[in-house]
Amino acid sequence: MAAEIISGTEMARTIREELRIGVEEFKRSVGRPPGLATVLVGSDPASQAYVRMKKRAAVDLGMYSRQIELDREITEDELLGWIEGLNADPDIHGILVQLPLPPQIRKNRILEAIHPAKDVDGFHPINVGRMAVGDPAALAPCTPLGVVEMLVRSGIQTRGRHAVVVGRSDIVGKPMGSMLLGTGPGGDATVTVTHILTQDLASHTRMADILIVAAGHPSLITADMVKPGVVVIDVGVNRVADSSREKGYRLTGDVAFDEVREVASVITPVPGGVGPMTIAMLMSNTLKAARSLNRAMA
């Protein structure tokens, strides 16, 4: 029997409706909406599309959205000046700098300049550390946070189960491992973190009760690499050439969906899986940051 498909699109829609209520309550209480600033350096089409989606989601929820578009040739100090201004702006509760950045700008210096309380991407070292020790006040990275939310809302038990993460990025793989190791819903798992250089990767993935793949390699995980009944969360989004499509490509995950679906019990699609959840968690983090900053000012 083919696996059940978890629709991130449908789940994200439910979360947005919950957030809409929270945003309205915040506006009534504080007199202004939560504010999200997105900073885009350069004109990369993919980055522009991501920023537009984030702005559209914020506006749809009734948040204040400010989009800042800067020239690709901007200096690091000039960008830091923009960040400093947003840190001090009381109308802005969340700051997101779209990655990647041009080569003349050091990513870590920019991410560390964002005030931790406004770091809605969850990339600041302070938030990373607080998340790793289980501080519920930490702003966690949106994609792994979305994966945990999918597991919890789908009723998938993680406690005591073996979760294997494929991918070790700072954005997904590493924080994913920390969250699964944490206590409470979506945590208490036994965790193995692997990556593309892991020897005999399949020997690890076949041991997984829950397999989370974020390696950035299309169709890396095939049916012979998973055990029957596994839960598969595919975080990968890859463009694969496809002359039959108008755009000349199609989006595919890191999992060979059609064949793995015949072995797994639960699986997420690409697109329509983790992606919509990532944006929903960004909106959730923005509301969380707004509430926290408002309490701190009270």
Protein backbone atom coordinates (compact mmCIF):
# COMPACT_ATOMS: atom_id res chain seq x y z
CA MET A 1 0.00 0.00 0.00
CA ALA A 2 1.35 3.43 -0.94
CA ALA A 3 2.34 5.76 1.87
CA GLU A 4 0.11 8.44 3.29
CA ILE A 5 1.10 11.87 1.99
CA ILE A 6 1.44 14.74 4.44
CA SER A 7 0.38 17.93 2.70
CA GLY A 8 2.46 20.81 3.98
CA THR A 9 0.23 23.11 1.94
CA GLU A 10 -2.89 22.07 3.86
CA MET A 11 -1.15 22.07 7.24
CA ALA A 12 0.38 25.49 6.63
CA ARG A 13 -3.06 26.83 5.73
CA THR A 14 -4.38 25.70 9.11
CA ILE A 15 -1.42 27.27 10.92
CA ARG A 16 -1.90 30.56 9.08
CA GLU A 17 -5.51 30.71 10.25
CA GLU A 18 -4.33 30.19 13.82
CA LEU A 19 -1.71 32.90 13.37
CA ARG A 20 -4.26 35.28 11.88
CA ILE A 21 -6.17 35.15 15.17
CA GLY A 22 -2.96 35.77 17.10
CA VAL A 23 -2.03 38.74 14.92
CA GLU A 24 -5.44 40.32 15.45
CA GLU A 25 -5.17 39.85 19.20
CA PHE A 26 -1.71 41.43 19.17
CA LYS A 27 -2.97 44.42 17.17
CA ARG A 28 -5.87 44.97 19.56
CA SER A 29 -3.59 44.70 22.58
CA VAL A 30 -0.64 46.75 21.35
CA GLY A 31 -2.24 49.05 18.80
CA ARG A 32 -0.01 48.05 15.89
CA PRO A 33 0.73 44.86 13.98
CA PRO A 34 3.78 42.63 14.19
CA GLY A 35 6.36 43.92 11.72
CA LEU A 36 8.64 41.88 9.46
CA ALA A 37 11.50 43.39 7.45
CA THR A 38 13.01 41.41 4.58
CA VAL A 39 16.37 42.50 3.20
CA LEU A 40 17.34 41.45 -0.31
CA VAL A 41 20.81 42.19 -1.68
CA GLY A 42 21.06 41.90 -5.45
CA SER A 43 18.57 40.66 -8.01
CA ASP A 44 18.82 36.86 -7.97
CA PRO A 45 15.47 35.65 -9.39
CA ALA A 46 15.10 32.78 -6.91
CA SER A 47 15.83 35.08 -3.95
CA GLN A 48 13.38 37.65 -5.29
CA ALA A 49 10.69 34.98 -5.53
CA TYR A 50 11.33 33.77 -1.96
CA VAL A 51 11.16 37.32 -0.60
CA ARG A 52 7.91 38.00 -2.46
CA MET A 53 6.35 34.86 -0.97
CA LYS A 54 7.39 35.90 2.54
CA LYS A 55 6.08 39.42 2.11
CA ARG A 56 2.79 38.12 0.67
CA ALA A 57 2.36 35.73 3.60
CA ALA A 58 2.99 38.51 6.14
CA VAL A 59 0.56 40.93 4.50
CA ASP A 60 -2.09 38.22 4.20
CA LEU A 61 -1.93 37.68 7.97
CA GLY A 62 -2.31 41.39 8.70
CA MET A 63 1.32 41.98 9.60
CA TYR A 64 3.32 45.03 8.63
CA SER A 65 5.83 44.09 5.94
CA ARG A 66 8.79 46.17 4.83
CA GLN A 67 10.86 44.95 1.89
CA ILE A 68 14.32 46.47 1.49
CA GLU A 69 16.07 45.88 -1.83
CA LEU A 70 19.75 46.81 -2.01
CA ASP A 71 22.28 46.89 -4.82
CA ARG A 72 24.49 43.84 -5.19
CA GLU A 73 27.57 46.07 -4.92
CA ILE A 74 26.67 47.35 -1.46
CA THR A 75 29.51 47.19 1.07
CA GLU A 76 29.39 45.11 4.21
CA ASP A 77 29.46 48.24 6.40
CA GLU A 78 26.55 49.75 4.48
CA LEU A 79 24.49 46.61 4.97
CA LEU A 80 25.39 46.60 8.66
CA GLY A 81 24.05 50.15 8.82
CA TRP A 82 20.70 48.97 7.49
CA ILE A 83 20.62 46.18 10.06
CA GLU A 84 21.42 48.60 12.86
CA GLY A 85 18.51 50.79 11.79
CA LEU A 86 16.09 47.87 11.73
CA ASN A 87 17.30 46.68 15.14
CA ALA A 88 16.34 50.09 16.56
CA ASP A 89 13.01 50.42 14.70
CA PRO A 90 10.07 49.78 17.07
CA ASP A 91 7.78 48.92 14.12
CA ILE A 92 9.99 45.99 13.15
CA HIS A 93 9.86 42.83 15.27
CA GLY A 94 11.49 40.43 12.84
CA ILE A 95 14.45 40.86 10.49
CA LEU A 96 15.24 38.45 7.68
CA VAL A 97 18.27 38.83 5.42
CA GLN A 98 17.77 36.68 2.34
CA LEU A 99 20.66 34.35 1.60
CA PRO A 100 22.95 33.91 -0.25
CA LEU A 101 24.79 37.24 -0.01
CA PRO A 102 27.34 38.60 -2.51
CA PRO A 103 30.97 37.51 -1.98
CA GLN A 104 32.13 40.85 -0.55
CA ILE A 105 29.82 40.39 2.43
CA ARG A 106 30.56 37.96 5.24
CA LYS A 107 27.35 36.09 5.97
CA ASN A 108 28.17 35.37 9.61
CA ARG A 109 28.94 38.99 10.38
CA ILE A 110 25.55 40.06 9.02
CA LEU A 111 23.58 37.32 10.77
CA GLU A 112 25.32 38.07 14.07
CA ALA A 113 24.48 41.77 13.70
CA ILE A 114 20.73 41.07 13.79
CA HIS A 115 19.42 41.47 17.33
CA PRO A 116 18.68 37.95 18.67
CA ALA A 117 15.17 39.04 19.69
CA LYS A 118 14.42 39.97 16.05
CA ASP A 119 16.24 37.02 14.46
CA VAL A 120 13.15 35.31 13.04
CA ASP A 121 15.28 33.04 10.83
CA GLY A 122 16.81 31.57 14.00
CA PHE A 123 20.39 31.79 12.70
CA HIS A 124 21.98 34.00 15.37
CA PRO A 125 24.47 32.06 17.56
CA ILE A 126 22.56 33.05 20.68
CA ASN A 127 19.34 31.55 19.32
CA VAL A 128 21.18 28.49 18.05
CA GLY A 129 22.66 27.92 21.51
CA ARG A 130 19.40 28.53 23.33
CA MET A 131 17.58 26.18 20.99
CA ALA A 132 20.23 23.50 21.52
CA VAL A 133 19.72 23.56 25.29
CA GLY A 134 15.95 23.45 24.95
CA ASP A 135 15.05 27.05 25.78
CA PRO A 136 11.43 27.48 24.57
CA ALA A 137 11.96 31.22 24.21
CA ALA A 138 14.57 30.72 21.47
CA LEU A 139 13.70 31.58 17.90
CA ALA A 140 14.46 28.33 16.07
CA PRO A 141 15.34 27.91 12.38
CA CYS A 142 12.14 27.80 10.38
CA THR A 143 12.63 24.70 8.24
CA PRO A 144 13.47 22.20 11.01
CA LEU A 145 10.83 23.88 13.16
CA GLY A 146 8.35 23.20 10.36
CA VAL A 147 9.41 19.55 10.19
CA VAL A 148 8.81 19.11 13.93
CA GLU A 149 5.42 20.76 13.56
CA MET A 150 4.54 18.37 10.74
CA LEU A 151 5.48 15.36 12.84
CA VAL A 152 3.54 16.55 15.88
CA ARG A 153 0.40 17.61 14.00
CA SER A 154 0.39 14.35 12.04
CA GLY A 155 0.47 12.34 15.25
CA ILE A 156 3.84 10.76 14.44
CA GLN A 157 5.53 9.59 17.61
CA THR A 158 9.21 10.55 17.90
CA ARG A 159 9.79 9.49 21.49
CA GLY A 160 12.20 6.57 21.64
CA ARG A 161 12.27 6.16 17.86
CA HIS A 162 15.36 6.27 15.67
CA ALA A 163 15.49 9.40 13.56
CA VAL A 164 18.12 9.63 10.83
CA VAL A 165 18.93 13.04 9.37
CA VAL A 166 20.70 13.18 6.01
CA GLY A 167 22.42 16.56 5.74
CA ARG A 168 24.51 18.61 8.16
CA SER A 169 23.84 22.22 7.17
CA ASP A 170 23.61 24.95 9.79
CA ILE A 171 20.17 25.82 8.43
CA VAL A 172 18.52 22.38 8.53
CA GLY A 173 20.60 19.32 9.41
CA LYS A 174 22.33 20.41 12.61
CA PRO A 175 19.34 22.17 14.24
CA MET A 176 17.10 19.29 13.11
CA GLY A 177 19.23 16.89 15.12
CA SER A 178 19.08 19.14 18.18
CA MET A 179 15.31 19.47 18.02
CA LEU A 180 14.75 15.74 17.69
CA LEU A 181 17.03 15.15 20.68
CA GLY A 182 15.12 17.67 22.78
CA THR A 183 12.43 16.77 25.26
CA GLY A 184 8.70 16.84 24.71
CA PRO A 185 6.52 16.60 21.57
CA GLY A 186 8.64 16.17 18.45
CA GLY A 187 11.67 15.22 20.53
CA ASP A 188 13.06 12.42 22.72
CA ALA A 189 14.29 10.57 19.64
CA THR A 190 17.51 8.66 19.18
CA VAL A 191 19.25 10.64 16.46
CA THR A 192 21.85 9.85 13.81
CA VAL A 193 23.08 12.73 11.63
CA THR A 194 24.62 11.68 8.32
CA HIS A 195 25.68 13.53 5.18
CA ILE A 196 26.70 13.00 1.59
CA LEU A 197 30.20 11.84 2.61
CA THR A 198 28.95 9.25 5.10
CA GLN A 199 30.32 5.85 4.18
CA ASP A 200 27.63 3.33 3.24
CA LEU A 201 24.87 5.88 3.72
CA ALA A 202 22.21 3.28 2.98
CA SER A 203 23.20 1.22 6.02
CA HIS A 204 22.21 4.20 8.18
CA THR A 205 19.05 5.21 6.33
CA ARG A 206 17.71 1.63 6.47
CA MET A 207 17.80 1.85 10.28
CA ALA A 208 15.55 4.90 10.40
CA ASP A 209 12.06 4.88 11.84
CA ILE A 210 11.91 8.53 10.78
CA LEU A 211 14.08 9.68 7.88
CA ILE A 212 14.60 13.40 7.28
CA VAL A 213 16.52 14.23 4.12
CA ALA A 214 18.08 17.64 3.52
CA ALA A 215 21.18 16.97 1.46
CA GLY A 216 20.51 18.97 -1.71
CA HIS A 217 20.93 16.01 -4.06
CA PRO A 218 17.94 15.05 -6.24
CA SER A 219 16.60 11.53 -5.73
CA LEU A 220 19.48 10.62 -3.43
CA ILE A 221 17.29 8.28 -1.36
CA THR A 222 15.87 5.34 -3.28
CA ALA A 223 13.51 2.55 -2.25
CA ASP A 224 16.30 0.10 -1.44
CA MET A 225 17.70 2.60 1.10
CA VAL A 226 14.67 2.61 3.44
CA LYS A 227 12.91 0.02 5.55
CA PRO A 228 9.21 -0.77 5.24
CA GLY A 229 6.96 1.55 7.22
CA VAL A 230 9.47 4.40 7.57
CA VAL A 231 8.29 8.00 7.91
CA VAL A 232 10.04 10.11 5.25
CA ILE A 233 10.30 13.90 5.40
CA ASP A 234 11.88 15.31 2.23
CA VAL A 235 13.34 18.77 2.78
CA GLY A 236 15.26 18.93 -0.51
CA VAL A 237 14.20 21.27 -3.31
CA ASN A 238 16.16 20.76 -6.52
CA ARG A 239 15.71 22.05 -10.04
CA VAL A 240 16.00 19.26 -12.58
CA ALA A 241 16.05 19.94 -16.32
CA ASP A 242 12.76 18.95 -17.97
CA SER A 243 12.12 20.01 -21.55
CA SER A 244 8.44 19.08 -21.24
CA ARG A 245 7.88 21.91 -18.76
CA GLU A 246 7.32 25.50 -19.84
CA LYS A 247 10.12 26.74 -17.57
CA GLY A 248 12.48 24.03 -18.76
CA TYR A 249 12.80 22.42 -15.34
CA ARG A 250 10.83 20.73 -12.59
CA LEU A 251 11.23 20.72 -8.84
CA THR A 252 12.13 17.49 -7.14
CA GLY A 253 13.20 16.46 -3.67
CA ASP A 254 16.13 14.50 -2.30
CA VAL A 255 13.94 11.38 -2.21
CA ALA A 256 12.87 9.33 -5.23
CA PHE A 257 9.24 9.95 -4.34
CA ASP A 258 7.36 7.46 -6.53
CA GLU A 259 9.43 4.43 -5.55
CA VAL A 260 9.99 5.31 -1.89
CA ARG A 261 6.27 5.96 -1.45
CA GLU A 262 5.67 2.26 -2.10
CA VAL A 263 7.81 1.32 0.92
CA ALA A 264 7.21 4.13 3.42
CA SER A 265 4.16 4.56 5.65
CA VAL A 266 4.21 8.37 5.48
CA ILE A 267 5.98 10.71 3.06
CA THR A 268 6.05 14.41 2.17
CA PRO A 269 5.93 15.61 -1.44
CA VAL A 270 8.09 18.18 -3.23
CA PRO A 271 6.74 20.71 -3.87
CA GLY A 272 3.90 21.10 -1.37
CA GLY A 273 5.59 19.49 1.62
CA VAL A 274 8.09 21.17 3.91
CA GLY A 275 8.32 24.38 1.84
CA PRO A 276 4.95 25.91 2.85
CA MET A 277 5.66 24.95 6.46
CA THR A 278 8.92 26.91 6.42
CA ILE A 279 7.09 30.11 5.53
CA ALA A 280 4.37 29.38 8.10
CA MET A 281 7.05 28.99 10.79
CA LEU A 282 8.64 32.28 9.73
CA MET A 283 5.29 33.97 10.34
CA SER A 284 4.99 32.13 13.66
CA ASN A 285 8.46 33.30 14.70
CA THR A 286 7.57 36.88 13.76
CA LEU A 287 4.49 36.83 15.99
CA LYS A 288 6.50 35.16 18.75
CA ALA A 289 9.20 37.84 18.48
CA ALA A 290 6.62 40.61 18.53
CA ARG A 291 5.03 39.24 21.70
CA SER A 292 8.40 38.82 23.39
CA LEU A 293 9.58 42.34 22.50
CA ASN A 294 6.28 43.80 23.66
CA ARG A 295 6.61 42.04 27.04
CA ALA A 296 10.17 43.31 27.39
CA MET A 297 9.01 46.90 26.83
CA ALA A 298 6.07 46.65 29.24
